[in-house]
């Protein structure tokens, strides 16, 4: 019986620790990781359009994914094939398989991590103080109802 109680207590104590996120992912794609066009398509499907590199930004390519329910596009920018920036505007894509557009800002607390740079209509989130130097999410919300309207995710790499 004592072993059973110890196991139950250790599981309850460990749940908040394991529920916190150690990195930022979107549909299984890790911010800052390198991906091929095939890997993106495997995770996100075929893009609705692609913004190719240009002379001002020769190593940048942006893949756009249309959300037919909201009529908005989600944006994934790669620099030298490294996922550097994501903008979630539709509700068909989730950050860390949890947070999405249309959810309450209070949902961010369930992910753990840290909230910083709070403004009237946005705040920043990172999985940890240490991760802030690698990347973060900017949660944009409607101040009247506290509902998330967009999630910007950015890497702090040398590319940006």
Protein backbone atom coordinates (compact mmCIF):
# COMPACT_ATOMS: atom_id res chain seq x y z
CA UNK A 1 0.00 0.00 0.00
CA UNK A 2 2.87 2.41 0.79
CA UNK A 3 4.43 1.77 -2.61
CA UNK A 4 1.11 2.53 -4.29
CA UNK A 5 0.74 5.83 -2.41
CA UNK A 6 4.33 6.82 -3.22
CA UNK A 7 3.76 6.09 -6.91
CA UNK A 8 0.52 8.11 -6.97
CA UNK A 9 2.12 11.07 -5.17
CA UNK A 10 5.16 11.05 -7.47
CA UNK A 11 2.92 10.98 -10.54
CA UNK A 12 0.85 13.90 -9.28
CA UNK A 13 3.95 15.93 -8.48
CA UNK A 14 5.56 15.16 -11.85
CA UNK A 15 2.53 16.06 -14.01
CA UNK A 16 3.14 19.85 -13.91
CA UNK A 17 6.83 19.33 -14.63
CA UNK A 18 6.17 17.13 -17.66
CA UNK A 19 3.33 19.32 -18.91
CA UNK A 20 5.62 22.31 -19.33
CA UNK A 21 7.12 22.72 -22.76
CA UNK A 22 10.87 22.90 -23.31
CA UNK A 23 10.71 24.28 -26.86
CA UNK A 24 8.30 25.83 -29.32
CA UNK A 25 6.73 23.50 -31.88
CA UNK A 26 4.01 23.97 -34.46
CA UNK A 27 2.48 20.84 -35.99
CA UNK A 28 5.60 18.94 -34.91
CA UNK A 29 7.97 21.46 -36.49
CA UNK A 30 10.54 22.85 -34.05
CA UNK A 31 11.40 26.55 -34.18
CA UNK A 32 14.99 26.96 -35.41
CA UNK A 33 15.29 23.44 -36.86
CA UNK A 34 16.18 22.80 -40.51
CA UNK A 35 13.54 21.40 -42.88
CA UNK A 36 13.16 20.48 -46.53
CA UNK A 37 10.12 21.44 -48.58
CA UNK A 38 9.02 17.78 -48.42
CA UNK A 39 9.19 17.76 -44.60
CA UNK A 40 7.06 20.91 -44.43
CA UNK A 41 4.49 19.42 -46.78
CA UNK A 42 4.45 16.23 -44.72
CA UNK A 43 3.66 18.19 -41.55
CA UNK A 44 1.47 20.99 -42.93
CA UNK A 45 0.20 19.81 -46.30
CA UNK A 46 0.63 21.64 -49.59
CA UNK A 47 1.04 25.40 -49.21
CA UNK A 48 -1.59 27.67 -50.76
CA UNK A 49 1.21 29.90 -52.04
CA UNK A 50 4.96 30.42 -51.71
CA UNK A 51 6.89 33.69 -51.51
CA UNK A 52 10.25 32.84 -53.10
CA UNK A 53 13.59 34.41 -52.18
CA UNK A 54 14.32 37.80 -53.73
CA UNK A 55 17.38 40.04 -54.06
CA UNK A 56 16.67 41.79 -50.74
CA UNK A 57 16.24 38.50 -48.87
CA UNK A 58 18.00 35.86 -50.98
CA UNK A 59 17.88 33.06 -48.41
CA UNK A 60 14.30 33.63 -47.19
CA UNK A 61 11.31 31.62 -48.38
CA UNK A 62 7.80 31.87 -46.94
CA UNK A 63 5.15 29.16 -47.20
CA UNK A 64 1.53 30.26 -46.77
CA UNK A 65 -1.23 27.90 -45.62
CA UNK A 66 -4.84 28.98 -46.09
CA UNK A 67 -7.37 28.18 -43.35
CA UNK A 68 -10.68 27.74 -45.17
CA UNK A 69 -12.72 28.09 -41.95
CA UNK A 70 -11.41 31.54 -41.04
CA UNK A 71 -10.31 32.74 -44.47
CA UNK A 72 -6.88 33.65 -43.07
CA UNK A 73 -3.39 32.49 -43.96
CA UNK A 74 -0.78 31.01 -41.66
CA UNK A 75 2.81 31.86 -42.49
CA UNK A 76 6.02 29.80 -42.14
CA UNK A 77 9.31 31.55 -42.99
CA UNK A 78 12.55 29.64 -43.47
CA UNK A 79 15.98 31.21 -43.79
CA UNK A 80 18.60 28.85 -45.22
CA UNK A 81 16.03 26.07 -44.64
CA UNK A 82 15.87 26.88 -40.90
CA UNK A 83 12.36 27.59 -39.54
CA UNK A 84 12.73 31.13 -38.20
CA UNK A 85 9.28 32.70 -38.08
CA UNK A 86 5.70 31.47 -37.87
CA UNK A 87 2.49 33.49 -37.83
CA UNK A 88 -0.68 31.64 -36.87
CA UNK A 89 -3.83 33.49 -37.90
CA UNK A 90 -6.23 30.61 -38.53
CA UNK A 91 -7.51 28.14 -35.99
CA UNK A 92 -6.36 24.98 -37.78
CA UNK A 93 -2.75 25.15 -36.50
CA UNK A 94 -1.69 24.90 -32.85
CA UNK A 95 1.45 25.90 -31.00
CA UNK A 96 2.87 23.04 -28.91
CA UNK A 97 -0.16 20.93 -29.92
CA UNK A 98 -2.30 23.05 -27.62
CA UNK A 99 -2.53 26.82 -28.04
CA UNK A 100 -4.41 28.27 -30.96
CA UNK A 101 -6.29 31.26 -32.29
CA UNK A 102 -9.74 31.60 -30.73
CA UNK A 103 -8.66 30.33 -27.32
CA UNK A 104 -8.66 32.39 -24.13
CA UNK A 105 -5.39 34.02 -23.08
CA UNK A 106 -5.73 32.17 -19.76
CA UNK A 107 -4.88 28.98 -21.70
CA UNK A 108 -1.27 30.14 -21.92
CA UNK A 109 -0.89 29.60 -18.17
CA UNK A 110 -1.63 25.89 -18.65
CA UNK A 111 1.49 25.57 -20.80
CA UNK A 112 3.84 26.70 -18.04
CA UNK A 113 6.78 28.79 -19.13
CA UNK A 114 7.14 32.53 -18.64
CA UNK A 115 5.09 35.53 -19.74
CA UNK A 116 6.90 38.83 -20.30
CA UNK A 117 6.60 42.23 -22.07
CA UNK A 118 2.88 42.47 -21.32
CA UNK A 119 1.03 45.15 -23.33
CA UNK A 120 -2.70 46.02 -23.53
CA UNK A 121 -3.28 43.72 -26.54
CA UNK A 122 -0.30 41.34 -26.60
CA UNK A 123 2.29 39.59 -24.47
CA UNK A 124 5.34 37.43 -25.02
CA UNK A 125 5.70 33.80 -23.94
CA UNK A 126 8.69 31.46 -23.79
CA UNK A 127 8.99 27.92 -22.40
CA UNK A 128 11.68 29.10 -19.95
CA UNK A 129 13.92 32.03 -19.09
CA UNK A 130 16.80 30.25 -20.83
CA UNK A 131 14.76 29.64 -24.01
CA UNK A 132 13.98 33.37 -24.36
CA UNK A 133 17.41 33.87 -25.91
CA UNK A 134 16.55 31.26 -28.61
CA UNK A 135 12.97 32.22 -29.41
CA UNK A 136 9.56 33.27 -28.15
CA UNK A 137 5.90 33.59 -29.07
CA UNK A 138 3.98 36.85 -29.27
CA UNK A 139 0.35 36.29 -28.29
CA UNK A 140 -1.96 38.92 -29.83
CA UNK A 141 -5.41 39.13 -28.27
CA UNK A 142 -8.63 41.13 -28.27
CA UNK A 143 -8.57 43.17 -25.02
CA UNK A 144 -12.38 43.20 -24.76
CA UNK A 145 -12.79 39.41 -24.51
CA UNK A 146 -9.20 38.17 -23.93
CA UNK A 147 -9.41 35.82 -26.94
CA UNK A 148 -6.26 35.09 -28.96
CA UNK A 149 -6.42 36.56 -32.48
CA UNK A 150 -2.90 35.68 -33.72
CA UNK A 151 0.29 34.01 -32.54
CA UNK A 152 3.64 35.22 -33.86
CA UNK A 153 6.60 32.93 -33.21
CA UNK A 154 10.15 34.13 -33.77
CA UNK A 155 13.62 32.70 -33.48
CA UNK A 156 16.46 34.78 -32.06
CA UNK A 157 19.02 33.21 -34.38
CA UNK A 158 21.74 34.99 -36.32
CA UNK A 159 19.46 34.95 -39.38
CA UNK A 160 16.95 37.34 -37.85
